[in-house]
Amino acid sequence: MKEDVASNVTEEQQGWFMAGNDSDDSLSLSEAPPLPLNPWDVVLCVSGTIISCENAVVVAIIFYTPAFRTPMFLLIGSLATADLLAGLGLIFHFVFVYCIQSQVVNLITVGLLVSSFTASVGSLLAITIDRYLSLYNALTYYSERTVTRTYVMLIITWGISISFGLLPVMGWNCLKEVSTCSIVRPLTKNNLVILSISFFMVFAVMLQLYVQICKIVCRHAQQIALQRHFLATSHYVTTRKGISTLAVILGTFASCWLPFAIYCLLGDYTYPAFYTYMTVLPATYNSMINPVIYAFRNQEIQKVLWTICCGCISSTMPFRSRSPSDV
């Protein structure tokens, strides 16, 4: 009897991405009436649309600009591609939940979201590593070795991300046993715990690298101040600006993802869906903010955008080639 109830619940909820569907368990999927429109799903769909538009612009600029083939822009392109797929995944989720209630489609959509968000976080780690190495090995950064290292990081990032995304599609899901579900259906609790622990590991590495970057930036600023006989206030302003930028980058990443990662460890599939939406929504905002932090602040990308939008290049807009160490 218990297995029959679990089976009915699974079939009823298989079209849902978030936990907490309160529909009648006695109805099968084929007999279930159209799902009522959830405002949270609308918000996620709108967020996905904005994310897709922003990152599509970045991907198009990097793809169609031959000069943007350097390691720094390859990593930014990887981040934008991952966020673009995440935005599309949120849109597909909304469409498929309310239009095509299919178990296979739901699994593919969830797999796409897992892969894209994992690739987004992995690309952020790769960018952090690249920034650190550009400062730590400044003399040898612009070499073929750096290009090779960049491609290796991209292959590892996307290989791991695709593997995580394939797990629910290949059978590691809770469709047959609802008691193993996590706060995000149809992912299992163990699956989500692994993803959360992986996030904390990535965050710890990024935190350590940004601390080292901060030390290097302060040391370089002090050396430049001594060589050029700058005033102490100038050195203080330069150092504070660099530290503030690093704090914004790391603080944004942490504030967006930490609530969801913590709730994944503490939450249970029986908890109200409200808590899941409240934590997953800020996580999606990270993909909305990434283009602003990592792409649109870059003066070379700004130059291309200005050319596209205005058909000309402003003579008053400052332009210089930036390295990954510019923060």
C-alpha atoms as a PDB file:
ATOM      1  CA  MET A   1       0.000   0.000   0.000  1.00  0.00           C
ATOM      2  CA  LYS A   2       2.831   2.405   0.868  1.00  0.00           C
ATOM      3  CA  GLU A   3       4.554   1.676  -2.443  1.00  0.00           C
ATOM      4  CA  ASP A   4       1.329   2.434  -4.352  1.00  0.00           C
ATOM      5  CA  VAL A   5       0.980   5.822  -2.667  1.00  0.00           C
ATOM      6  CA  ALA A   6       4.597   6.663  -3.405  1.00  0.00           C
ATOM      7  CA  SER A   7       4.103   5.665  -7.031  1.00  0.00           C
ATOM      8  CA  ASN A   8       1.051   7.915  -7.382  1.00  0.00           C
ATOM      9  CA  VAL A   9       2.842  10.854  -5.812  1.00  0.00           C
ATOM     10  CA  THR A  10       5.803  10.331  -8.112  1.00  0.00           C
ATOM     11  CA  GLU A  11       3.682  10.235 -11.241  1.00  0.00           C
ATOM     12  CA  GLU A  12       1.739  13.303 -10.184  1.00  0.00           C
ATOM     13  CA  GLN A  13       4.830  15.350  -9.406  1.00  0.00           C
ATOM     14  CA  GLN A  14       7.100  14.266 -12.210  1.00  0.00           C
ATOM     15  CA  GLY A  15       6.407  17.443 -14.180  1.00  0.00           C
ATOM     16  CA  TRP A  16       7.498  19.652 -11.292  1.00  0.00           C
ATOM     17  CA  PHE A  17      10.992  21.034 -10.882  1.00  0.00           C
ATOM     18  CA  MET A  18      10.478  22.330  -7.343  1.00  0.00           C
ATOM     19  CA  ALA A  19       9.197  20.400  -4.371  1.00  0.00           C
ATOM     20  CA  GLY A  20       5.899  20.965  -2.677  1.00  0.00           C
ATOM     21  CA  ASN A  21       3.186  20.200  -5.204  1.00  0.00           C
ATOM     22  CA  ASP A  22      -0.096  19.807  -3.354  1.00  0.00           C
ATOM     23  CA  SER A  23      -2.147  18.311  -6.195  1.00  0.00           C
ATOM     24  CA  ASP A  24      -4.496  15.376  -5.639  1.00  0.00           C
ATOM     25  CA  ASP A  25      -2.369  12.240  -5.395  1.00  0.00           C
ATOM     26  CA  SER A  26      -5.196  10.042  -6.669  1.00  0.00           C
ATOM     27  CA  LEU A  27      -4.921  11.424 -10.188  1.00  0.00           C
ATOM     28  CA  SER A  28      -2.464  10.032 -12.654  1.00  0.00           C
ATOM     29  CA  LEU A  29      -0.417  12.236 -14.929  1.00  0.00           C
ATOM     30  CA  SER A  30      -2.582  11.625 -17.956  1.00  0.00           C
ATOM     31  CA  GLU A  31      -5.764  12.411 -16.030  1.00  0.00           C
ATOM     32  CA  ALA A  32      -4.446  15.412 -14.092  1.00  0.00           C
ATOM     33  CA  PRO A  33      -6.032  18.770 -14.893  1.00  0.00           C
ATOM     34  CA  PRO A  34      -3.876  21.694 -16.080  1.00  0.00           C
ATOM     35  CA  LEU A  35      -1.599  22.893 -13.300  1.00  0.00           C
ATOM     36  CA  PRO A  36      -2.464  26.264 -11.751  1.00  0.00           C
ATOM     37  CA  LEU A  37      -0.007  28.991 -12.647  1.00  0.00           C
ATOM     38  CA  ASN A  38       2.569  29.413  -9.898  1.00  0.00           C
ATOM     39  CA  PRO A  39       3.825  33.033  -9.506  1.00  0.00           C
ATOM     40  CA  TRP A  40       7.255  31.733  -8.493  1.00  0.00           C
ATOM     41  CA  ASP A  41       7.572  29.861 -11.786  1.00  0.00           C
ATOM     42  CA  VAL A  42       6.637  33.058 -13.623  1.00  0.00           C
ATOM     43  CA  VAL A  43       9.387  34.946 -11.786  1.00  0.00           C
ATOM     44  CA  LEU A  44      11.894  32.219 -12.651  1.00  0.00           C
ATOM     45  CA  CYS A  45      10.820  32.328 -16.292  1.00  0.00           C
ATOM     46  CA  VAL A  46      11.235  36.115 -16.418  1.00  0.00           C
ATOM     47  CA  SER A  47      14.644  35.763 -14.770  1.00  0.00           C
ATOM     48  CA  GLY A  48      15.583  33.131 -17.337  1.00  0.00           C
ATOM     49  CA  THR A  49      14.563  35.461 -20.169  1.00  0.00           C
ATOM     50  CA  ILE A  50      16.728  38.299 -18.847  1.00  0.00           C
ATOM     51  CA  ILE A  51      19.637  35.920 -18.233  1.00  0.00           C
ATOM     52  CA  SER A  52      19.361  34.527 -21.768  1.00  0.00           C
ATOM     53  CA  CYS A  53      19.280  37.957 -23.410  1.00  0.00           C
ATOM     54  CA  GLU A  54      22.242  39.299 -21.444  1.00  0.00           C
ATOM     55  CA  ASN A  55      24.480  36.304 -21.985  1.00  0.00           C
ATOM     56  CA  ALA A  56      23.458  35.863 -25.627  1.00  0.00           C
ATOM     57  CA  VAL A  57      24.898  39.326 -26.282  1.00  0.00           C
ATOM     58  CA  VAL A  58      28.181  38.367 -24.588  1.00  0.00           C
ATOM     59  CA  VAL A  59      28.421  35.046 -26.439  1.00  0.00           C
ATOM     60  CA  ALA A  60      27.706  36.721 -29.781  1.00  0.00           C
ATOM     61  CA  ILE A  61      30.321  39.429 -29.209  1.00  0.00           C
ATOM     62  CA  ILE A  62      33.038  36.967 -28.237  1.00  0.00           C
ATOM     63  CA  PHE A  63      32.142  34.514 -31.018  1.00  0.00           C
ATOM     64  CA  TYR A  64      32.053  37.088 -33.824  1.00  0.00           C
ATOM     65  CA  THR A  65      35.095  39.115 -32.703  1.00  0.00           C
ATOM     66  CA  PRO A  66      38.351  37.440 -33.843  1.00  0.00           C
ATOM     67  CA  ALA A  67      40.391  39.487 -31.374  1.00  0.00           C
ATOM     68  CA  PHE A  68      38.563  37.823 -28.476  1.00  0.00           C
ATOM     69  CA  ARG A  69      40.371  34.498 -28.723  1.00  0.00           C
ATOM     70  CA  THR A  70      42.643  35.007 -25.745  1.00  0.00           C
ATOM     71  CA  PRO A  71      42.407  32.781 -22.632  1.00  0.00           C
ATOM     72  CA  MET A  72      40.645  35.508 -20.664  1.00  0.00           C
ATOM     73  CA  PHE A  73      37.844  35.872 -23.224  1.00  0.00           C
ATOM     74  CA  LEU A  74      37.562  32.106 -23.695  1.00  0.00           C
ATOM     75  CA  LEU A  75      36.799  31.765 -19.992  1.00  0.00           C
ATOM     76  CA  ILE A  76      34.352  34.669 -20.076  1.00  0.00           C
ATOM     77  CA  GLY A  77      32.725  33.034 -23.098  1.00  0.00           C
ATOM     78  CA  SER A  78      32.452  29.749 -21.206  1.00  0.00           C
ATOM     79  CA  LEU A  79      30.765  31.533 -18.305  1.00  0.00           C
ATOM     80  CA  ALA A  80      28.364  33.349 -20.627  1.00  0.00           C
ATOM     81  CA  THR A  81      27.531  30.116 -22.474  1.00  0.00           C
ATOM     82  CA  ALA A  82      26.783  28.305 -19.223  1.00  0.00           C
ATOM     83  CA  ASP A  83      24.589  31.162 -17.987  1.00  0.00           C
ATOM     84  CA  LEU A  84      22.839  31.347 -21.367  1.00  0.00           C
ATOM     85  CA  LEU A  85      21.976  27.651 -21.138  1.00  0.00           C
ATOM     86  CA  ALA A  86      20.809  28.160 -17.550  1.00  0.00           C
ATOM     87  CA  GLY A  87      18.472  30.943 -18.667  1.00  0.00           C
ATOM     88  CA  LEU A  88      17.115  28.819 -21.494  1.00  0.00           C
ATOM     89  CA  GLY A  89      16.684  25.945 -19.051  1.00  0.00           C
ATOM     90  CA  LEU A  90      14.522  28.103 -16.795  1.00  0.00           C
ATOM     91  CA  ILE A  91      12.370  29.095 -19.773  1.00  0.00           C
ATOM     92  CA  PHE A  92      12.057  25.482 -20.968  1.00  0.00           C
ATOM     93  CA  HIS A  93      11.147  24.390 -17.450  1.00  0.00           C
ATOM     94  CA  PHE A  94       8.257  26.837 -17.346  1.00  0.00           C
ATOM     95  CA  VAL A  95       7.009  25.845 -20.799  1.00  0.00           C
ATOM     96  CA  PHE A  96       7.290  22.110 -20.229  1.00  0.00           C
ATOM     97  CA  VAL A  97       5.742  22.145 -16.745  1.00  0.00           C
ATOM     98  CA  TYR A  98       2.597  23.919 -17.912  1.00  0.00           C
ATOM     99  CA  CYS A  99       2.397  22.681 -21.505  1.00  0.00           C
ATOM    100  CA  ILE A 100       4.124  19.299 -21.799  1.00  0.00           C
ATOM    101  CA  GLN A 101       3.878  17.241 -18.604  1.00  0.00           C
ATOM    102  CA  SER A 102       6.342  14.537 -19.616  1.00  0.00           C
ATOM    103  CA  GLN A 103       8.670  12.553 -17.375  1.00  0.00           C
ATOM    104  CA  VAL A 104      11.402  12.354 -20.022  1.00  0.00           C
ATOM    105  CA  VAL A 105      11.202  16.049 -20.875  1.00  0.00           C
ATOM    106  CA  ASN A 106      11.288  16.972 -17.189  1.00  0.00           C
ATOM    107  CA  LEU A 107      14.419  14.900 -16.616  1.00  0.00           C
ATOM    108  CA  ILE A 108      16.149  16.442 -19.627  1.00  0.00           C
ATOM    109  CA  THR A 109      15.243  19.950 -18.476  1.00  0.00           C
ATOM    110  CA  VAL A 110      16.515  19.314 -14.949  1.00  0.00           C
ATOM    111  CA  GLY A 111      19.673  17.778 -16.400  1.00  0.00           C
ATOM    112  CA  LEU A 112      20.203  20.896 -18.520  1.00  0.00           C
ATOM    113  CA  LEU A 113      19.781  23.140 -15.469  1.00  0.00           C
ATOM    114  CA  VAL A 114      22.176  21.054 -13.369  1.00  0.00           C
ATOM    115  CA  SER A 115      24.802  21.017 -16.132  1.00  0.00           C
ATOM    116  CA  SER A 116      24.535  24.719 -16.929  1.00  0.00           C
ATOM    117  CA  PHE A 117      24.618  25.976 -13.340  1.00  0.00           C
ATOM    118  CA  THR A 118      27.490  23.609 -12.526  1.00  0.00           C
ATOM    119  CA  ALA A 119      29.386  24.872 -15.578  1.00  0.00           C
ATOM    120  CA  SER A 120      28.675  28.457 -14.501  1.00  0.00           C
ATOM    121  CA  VAL A 121      30.188  27.910 -11.049  1.00  0.00           C
ATOM    122  CA  GLY A 122      33.074  25.956 -12.580  1.00  0.00           C
ATOM    123  CA  SER A 123      33.764  28.755 -15.062  1.00  0.00           C
ATOM    124  CA  LEU A 124      33.857  31.260 -12.198  1.00  0.00           C
ATOM    125  CA  LEU A 125      36.487  29.095 -10.517  1.00  0.00           C
ATOM    126  CA  ALA A 126      38.472  28.890 -13.761  1.00  0.00           C
ATOM    127  CA  ILE A 127      38.364  32.685 -14.136  1.00  0.00           C
ATOM    128  CA  THR A 128      39.593  33.066 -10.560  1.00  0.00           C
ATOM    129  CA  ILE A 129      42.476  30.658 -11.200  1.00  0.00           C
ATOM    130  CA  ASP A 130      43.338  32.539 -14.396  1.00  0.00           C
ATOM    131  CA  ARG A 131      43.359  35.880 -12.574  1.00  0.00           C
ATOM    132  CA  TYR A 132      45.590  34.511  -9.851  1.00  0.00           C
ATOM    133  CA  LEU A 133      48.077  32.998 -12.298  1.00  0.00           C
ATOM    134  CA  SER A 134      48.173  36.221 -14.354  1.00  0.00           C
ATOM    135  CA  LEU A 135      49.457  37.972 -11.228  1.00  0.00           C
ATOM    136  CA  TYR A 136      51.564  35.187  -9.758  1.00  0.00           C
ATOM    137  CA  ASN A 137      53.246  34.293 -13.076  1.00  0.00           C
ATOM    138  CA  ALA A 138      52.980  37.662 -14.786  1.00  0.00           C
ATOM    139  CA  LEU A 139      56.144  37.217 -16.875  1.00  0.00           C
ATOM    140  CA  THR A 140      55.120  33.865 -18.364  1.00  0.00           C
ATOM    141  CA  TYR A 141      51.350  34.370 -18.507  1.00  0.00           C
ATOM    142  CA  TYR A 142      51.210  35.334 -22.189  1.00  0.00           C
ATOM    143  CA  SER A 143      52.492  32.039 -23.563  1.00  0.00           C
ATOM    144  CA  GLU A 144      51.248  28.901 -25.268  1.00  0.00           C
ATOM    145  CA  ARG A 145      51.296  27.184 -21.912  1.00  0.00           C
ATOM    146  CA  THR A 146      48.529  29.486 -20.692  1.00  0.00           C
ATOM    147  CA  VAL A 147      46.380  28.691 -23.732  1.00  0.00           C
ATOM    148  CA  THR A 148      46.819  24.961 -23.160  1.00  0.00           C
ATOM    149  CA  ARG A 149      45.977  25.336 -19.475  1.00  0.00           C
ATOM    150  CA  THR A 150      42.832  27.292 -20.373  1.00  0.00           C
ATOM    151  CA  TYR A 151      41.578  24.573 -22.708  1.00  0.00           C
ATOM    152  CA  VAL A 152      42.295  21.921 -20.066  1.00  0.00           C
ATOM    153  CA  MET A 153      40.287  23.866 -17.466  1.00  0.00           C
ATOM    154  CA  LEU A 154      37.391  24.261 -19.906  1.00  0.00           C
ATOM    155  CA  ILE A 155      37.381  20.553 -20.800  1.00  0.00           C
ATOM    156  CA  ILE A 156      37.420  19.543 -17.132  1.00  0.00           C
ATOM    157  CA  THR A 157      34.723  22.088 -16.213  1.00  0.00           C
ATOM    158  CA  TRP A 158      32.300  21.088 -18.937  1.00  0.00           C
ATOM    159  CA  GLY A 159      33.091  17.371 -18.621  1.00  0.00           C
ATOM    160  CA  ILE A 160      32.193  17.374 -14.918  1.00  0.00           C
ATOM    161  CA  SER A 161      29.144  19.572 -15.518  1.00  0.00           C
ATOM    162  CA  ILE A 162      27.728  17.363 -18.263  1.00  0.00           C
ATOM    163  CA  SER A 163      28.344  14.292 -16.114  1.00  0.00           C
ATOM    164  CA  PHE A 164      26.369  15.813 -13.232  1.00  0.00           C
ATOM    165  CA  GLY A 165      23.567  16.728 -15.630  1.00  0.00           C
ATOM    166  CA  LEU A 166      23.374  13.217 -17.063  1.00  0.00           C
ATOM    167  CA  LEU A 167      22.952  11.551 -13.660  1.00  0.00           C
ATOM    168  CA  PRO A 168      19.189  12.220 -13.283  1.00  0.00           C
ATOM    169  CA  VAL A 169      18.598  11.423 -16.957  1.00  0.00           C
ATOM    170  CA  MET A 170      20.449   8.111 -16.725  1.00  0.00           C
ATOM    171  CA  GLY A 171      18.386   6.939 -13.764  1.00  0.00           C
ATOM    172  CA  TRP A 172      19.728   8.574 -10.604  1.00  0.00           C
ATOM    173  CA  ASN A 173      16.462  10.254  -9.710  1.00  0.00           C
ATOM    174  CA  CYS A 174      13.609   9.859  -7.242  1.00  0.00           C
ATOM    175  CA  LEU A 175      10.766   9.176  -9.671  1.00  0.00           C
ATOM    176  CA  LYS A 176      10.361   5.601  -8.446  1.00  0.00           C
ATOM    177  CA  GLU A 177      10.927   6.285  -4.746  1.00  0.00           C
ATOM    178  CA  VAL A 178       9.626   9.621  -3.534  1.00  0.00           C
ATOM    179  CA  SER A 179      11.185   9.171  -0.085  1.00  0.00           C
ATOM    180  CA  THR A 180      14.642   9.696  -1.641  1.00  0.00           C
ATOM    181  CA  CYS A 181      13.680  13.040  -3.190  1.00  0.00           C
ATOM    182  CA  SER A 182      15.474  16.255  -2.324  1.00  0.00           C
ATOM    183  CA  ILE A 183      14.055  19.772  -2.168  1.00  0.00           C
ATOM    184  CA  VAL A 184      14.497  19.862  -5.960  1.00  0.00           C
ATOM    185  CA  ARG A 185      12.619  17.090  -7.717  1.00  0.00           C
ATOM    186  CA  PRO A 186      13.433  14.770  -9.364  1.00  0.00           C
ATOM    187  CA  LEU A 187      16.973  15.001  -7.945  1.00  0.00           C
ATOM    188  CA  THR A 188      17.720  12.646  -5.079  1.00  0.00           C
ATOM    189  CA  LYS A 189      18.904  13.885  -1.712  1.00  0.00           C
ATOM    190  CA  ASN A 190      22.327  12.270  -2.197  1.00  0.00           C
ATOM    191  CA  ASN A 191      22.701  13.885  -5.615  1.00  0.00           C
ATOM    192  CA  LEU A 192      21.965  17.327  -4.243  1.00  0.00           C
ATOM    193  CA  VAL A 193      24.272  16.790  -1.252  1.00  0.00           C
ATOM    194  CA  ILE A 194      27.144  15.987  -3.626  1.00  0.00           C
ATOM    195  CA  LEU A 195      26.412  19.135  -5.644  1.00  0.00           C
ATOM    196  CA  SER A 196      26.272  21.245  -2.473  1.00  0.00           C
ATOM    197  CA  ILE A 197      29.534  19.863  -1.093  1.00  0.00           C
ATOM    198  CA  SER A 198      31.163  20.488  -4.471  1.00  0.00           C
ATOM    199  CA  PHE A 199      29.969  24.081  -4.314  1.00  0.00           C
ATOM    200  CA  PHE A 200      31.465  24.595  -0.843  1.00  0.00           C
ATOM    201  CA  MET A 201      34.766  23.198  -2.089  1.00  0.00           C
ATOM    202  CA  VAL A 202      34.734  25.570  -5.063  1.00  0.00           C
ATOM    203  CA  PHE A 203      33.837  28.487  -2.818  1.00  0.00           C
ATOM    204  CA  ALA A 204      36.688  27.641  -0.406  1.00  0.00           C
ATOM    205  CA  VAL A 205      39.209  27.535  -3.268  1.00  0.00           C
ATOM    206  CA  MET A 206      37.911  30.820  -4.699  1.00  0.00           C
ATOM    207  CA  LEU A 207      38.079  32.462  -1.280  1.00  0.00           C
ATOM    208  CA  GLN A 208      41.670  31.354  -0.793  1.00  0.00           C
ATOM    209  CA  LEU A 209      42.686  32.494  -4.286  1.00  0.00           C
ATOM    210  CA  TYR A 210      41.047  35.909  -3.864  1.00  0.00           C
ATOM    211  CA  VAL A 211      42.845  36.354  -0.536  1.00  0.00           C
ATOM    212  CA  GLN A 212      46.128  35.664  -2.340  1.00  0.00           C
ATOM    213  CA  ILE A 213      45.125  38.007  -5.173  1.00  0.00           C
ATOM    214  CA  CYS A 214      44.353  40.698  -2.613  1.00  0.00           C
ATOM    215  CA  LYS A 215      47.809  40.310  -1.061  1.00  0.00           C
ATOM    216  CA  ILE A 216      49.495  40.511  -4.471  1.00  0.00           C
ATOM    217  CA  VAL A 217      47.459  43.585  -5.448  1.00  0.00           C
ATOM    218  CA  CYS A 218      48.382  45.354  -2.202  1.00  0.00           C
ATOM    219  CA  ARG A 219      52.053  44.479  -2.641  1.00  0.00           C
ATOM    220  CA  HIS A 220      52.092  45.664  -6.262  1.00  0.00           C
ATOM    221  CA  ALA A 221      50.302  48.892  -5.373  1.00  0.00           C
ATOM    222  CA  GLN A 222      52.858  49.594  -2.649  1.00  0.00           C
ATOM    223  CA  GLN A 223      55.777  48.924  -4.979  1.00  0.00           C
ATOM    224  CA  ILE A 224      54.363  51.212  -7.665  1.00  0.00           C
ATOM    225  CA  ALA A 225      53.749  53.920  -5.091  1.00  0.00           C
ATOM    226  CA  LEU A 226      57.360  53.740  -3.927  1.00  0.00           C
ATOM    227  CA  GLN A 227      58.786  53.697  -7.453  1.00  0.00           C
ATOM    228  CA  ARG A 228      56.723  56.632  -8.656  1.00  0.00           C
ATOM    229  CA  HIS A 229      56.874  58.521  -5.365  1.00  0.00           C
ATOM    230  CA  PHE A 230      53.094  58.523  -4.966  1.00  0.00           C
ATOM    231  CA  LEU A 231      51.572  59.909  -1.829  1.00  0.00           C
ATOM    232  CA  ALA A 232      50.386  57.495   0.827  1.00  0.00           C
ATOM    233  CA  THR A 233      46.807  58.524   0.128  1.00  0.00           C
ATOM    234  CA  SER A 234      47.121  57.521  -3.531  1.00  0.00           C
ATOM    235  CA  HIS A 235      48.448  54.132  -2.511  1.00  0.00           C
ATOM    236  CA  TYR A 236      45.583  53.747  -0.049  1.00  0.00           C
ATOM    237  CA  VAL A 237      42.958  54.694  -2.647  1.00  0.00           C
ATOM    238  CA  THR A 238      44.374  52.277  -5.240  1.00  0.00           C
ATOM    239  CA  THR A 239      44.564  49.412  -2.762  1.00  0.00           C
ATOM    240  CA  ARG A 240      41.097  50.078  -1.397  1.00  0.00           C
ATOM    241  CA  LYS A 241      39.637  50.128  -4.912  1.00  0.00           C
ATOM    242  CA  GLY A 242      41.176  46.757  -5.740  1.00  0.00           C
ATOM    243  CA  ILE A 243      40.063  45.177  -2.486  1.00  0.00           C
ATOM    244  CA  SER A 244      36.551  46.606  -2.867  1.00  0.00           C
ATOM    245  CA  THR A 245      36.226  45.129  -6.350  1.00  0.00           C
ATOM    246  CA  LEU A 246      37.357  41.709  -5.143  1.00  0.00           C
ATOM    247  CA  ALA A 247      34.929  41.927  -2.222  1.00  0.00           C
ATOM    248  CA  VAL A 248      32.054  42.724  -4.583  1.00  0.00           C
ATOM    249  CA  ILE A 249      32.923  39.774  -6.853  1.00  0.00           C
ATOM    250  CA  LEU A 250      33.217  37.234  -4.051  1.00  0.00           C
ATOM    251  CA  GLY A 251      30.381  38.731  -2.003  1.00  0.00           C
ATOM    252  CA  THR A 252      27.983  38.572  -4.945  1.00  0.00           C
ATOM    253  CA  PHE A 253      28.837  34.950  -5.619  1.00  0.00           C
ATOM    254  CA  ALA A 254      28.443  33.981  -1.956  1.00  0.00           C
ATOM    255  CA  SER A 255      25.198  35.875  -1.352  1.00  0.00           C
ATOM    256  CA  CYS A 256      23.607  34.309  -4.437  1.00  0.00           C
ATOM    257  CA  TRP A 257      24.612  30.679  -3.941  1.00  0.00           C
ATOM    258  CA  LEU A 258      25.234  30.115  -0.224  1.00  0.00           C
ATOM    259  CA  PRO A 259      21.549  30.188   0.874  1.00  0.00           C
ATOM    260  CA  PHE A 260      20.580  27.554  -1.680  1.00  0.00           C
ATOM    261  CA  ALA A 261      23.647  25.376  -1.002  1.00  0.00           C
ATOM    262  CA  ILE A 262      22.999  25.421   2.753  1.00  0.00           C
ATOM    263  CA  TYR A 263      19.294  24.678   2.310  1.00  0.00           C
ATOM    264  CA  CYS A 264      20.143  21.749   0.029  1.00  0.00           C
ATOM    265  CA  LEU A 265      21.969  20.146   2.958  1.00  0.00           C
ATOM    266  CA  LEU A 266      19.405  20.992   5.620  1.00  0.00           C
ATOM    267  CA  GLY A 267      16.129  20.819   3.678  1.00  0.00           C
ATOM    268  CA  ASP A 268      13.900  17.857   3.045  1.00  0.00           C
ATOM    269  CA  TYR A 269      11.433  16.961   0.294  1.00  0.00           C
ATOM    270  CA  THR A 270       8.571  17.367   2.757  1.00  0.00           C
ATOM    271  CA  TYR A 271       9.406  21.038   3.345  1.00  0.00           C
ATOM    272  CA  PRO A 272       7.171  23.689   1.716  1.00  0.00           C
ATOM    273  CA  ALA A 273       8.158  24.704  -1.799  1.00  0.00           C
ATOM    274  CA  PHE A 274       8.251  28.333  -0.670  1.00  0.00           C
ATOM    275  CA  TYR A 275      11.650  27.819   0.974  1.00  0.00           C
ATOM    276  CA  THR A 276      13.068  26.207  -2.154  1.00  0.00           C
ATOM    277  CA  TYR A 277      11.926  29.073  -4.358  1.00  0.00           C
ATOM    278  CA  MET A 278      13.257  31.635  -1.867  1.00  0.00           C
ATOM    279  CA  THR A 279      16.752  30.136  -2.039  1.00  0.00           C
ATOM    280  CA  VAL A 280      16.928  29.078  -5.679  1.00  0.00           C
ATOM    281  CA  LEU A 281      15.821  32.476  -6.999  1.00  0.00           C
ATOM    282  CA  PRO A 282      18.914  34.354  -5.710  1.00  0.00           C
ATOM    283  CA  ALA A 283      21.072  31.583  -7.191  1.00  0.00           C
ATOM    284  CA  THR A 284      19.626  32.326 -10.630  1.00  0.00           C
ATOM    285  CA  TYR A 285      20.393  36.020 -10.105  1.00  0.00           C
ATOM    286  CA  ASN A 286      24.085  35.157 -10.098  1.00  0.00           C
ATOM    287  CA  SER A 287      23.785  34.270 -13.789  1.00  0.00           C
ATOM    288  CA  MET A 288      22.097  37.633 -14.309  1.00  0.00           C
ATOM    289  CA  ILE A 289      24.881  39.548 -12.555  1.00  0.00           C
ATOM    290  CA  ASN A 290      27.827  37.655 -14.076  1.00  0.00           C
ATOM    291  CA  PRO A 291      27.722  39.453 -17.466  1.00  0.00           C
ATOM    292  CA  VAL A 292      27.854  42.817 -15.695  1.00  0.00           C
ATOM    293  CA  ILE A 293      30.839  41.860 -13.519  1.00  0.00           C
ATOM    294  CA  TYR A 294      32.912  39.826 -15.947  1.00  0.00           C
ATOM    295  CA  ALA A 295      31.945  41.079 -19.424  1.00  0.00           C
ATOM    296  CA  PHE A 296      30.302  44.493 -19.574  1.00  0.00           C
ATOM    297  CA  ARG A 297      32.949  46.024 -17.280  1.00  0.00           C
ATOM    298  CA  ASN A 298      35.650  45.004 -19.767  1.00  0.00           C
ATOM    299  CA  GLN A 299      36.610  48.034 -21.851  1.00  0.00           C
ATOM    300  CA  GLU A 300      37.253  45.995 -24.996  1.00  0.00           C
ATOM    301  CA  ILE A 301      33.742  44.550 -24.838  1.00  0.00           C
ATOM    302  CA  GLN A 302      32.417  48.026 -24.075  1.00  0.00           C
ATOM    303  CA  LYS A 303      34.083  49.258 -27.239  1.00  0.00           C
ATOM    304  CA  VAL A 304      32.397  46.575 -29.346  1.00  0.00           C
ATOM    305  CA  LEU A 305      29.041  47.257 -27.716  1.00  0.00           C
ATOM    306  CA  TRP A 306      29.414  50.975 -28.356  1.00  0.00           C
ATOM    307  CA  THR A 307      30.217  50.251 -32.001  1.00  0.00           C
ATOM    308  CA  ILE A 308      27.199  47.964 -32.397  1.00  0.00           C
ATOM    309  CA  CYS A 309      24.729  50.254 -30.643  1.00  0.00           C
ATOM    310  CA  CYS A 310      25.874  53.605 -32.008  1.00  0.00           C
ATOM    311  CA  GLY A 311      27.678  52.670 -35.185  1.00  0.00           C
ATOM    312  CA  CYS A 312      30.679  54.632 -34.046  1.00  0.00           C
ATOM    313  CA  ILE A 313      33.369  54.721 -31.399  1.00  0.00           C
ATOM    314  CA  SER A 314      33.311  57.563 -28.922  1.00  0.00           C
ATOM    315  CA  SER A 315      36.586  59.463 -28.965  1.00  0.00           C
ATOM    316  CA  THR A 316      36.135  60.394 -25.325  1.00  0.00           C
ATOM    317  CA  MET A 317      35.777  56.824 -24.110  1.00  0.00           C
ATOM    318  CA  PRO A 318      39.063  55.627 -22.596  1.00  0.00           C
ATOM    319  CA  PHE A 319      40.378  52.375 -24.017  1.00  0.00           C
ATOM    320  CA  ARG A 320      43.290  50.190 -23.114  1.00  0.00           C
ATOM    321  CA  SER A 321      43.982  46.493 -23.290  1.00  0.00           C
ATOM    322  CA  ARG A 322      43.064  44.812 -20.057  1.00  0.00           C
ATOM    323  CA  SER A 323      44.580  41.691 -18.545  1.00  0.00           C
ATOM    324  CA  PRO A 324      42.821  39.183 -16.321  1.00  0.00           C
ATOM    325  CA  SER A 325      44.570  40.732 -13.326  1.00  0.00           C
ATOM    326  CA  ASP A 326      42.733  44.032 -13.778  1.00  0.00           C
ATOM    327  CA  VAL A 327      40.136  44.169 -11.011  1.00  0.00           C
END
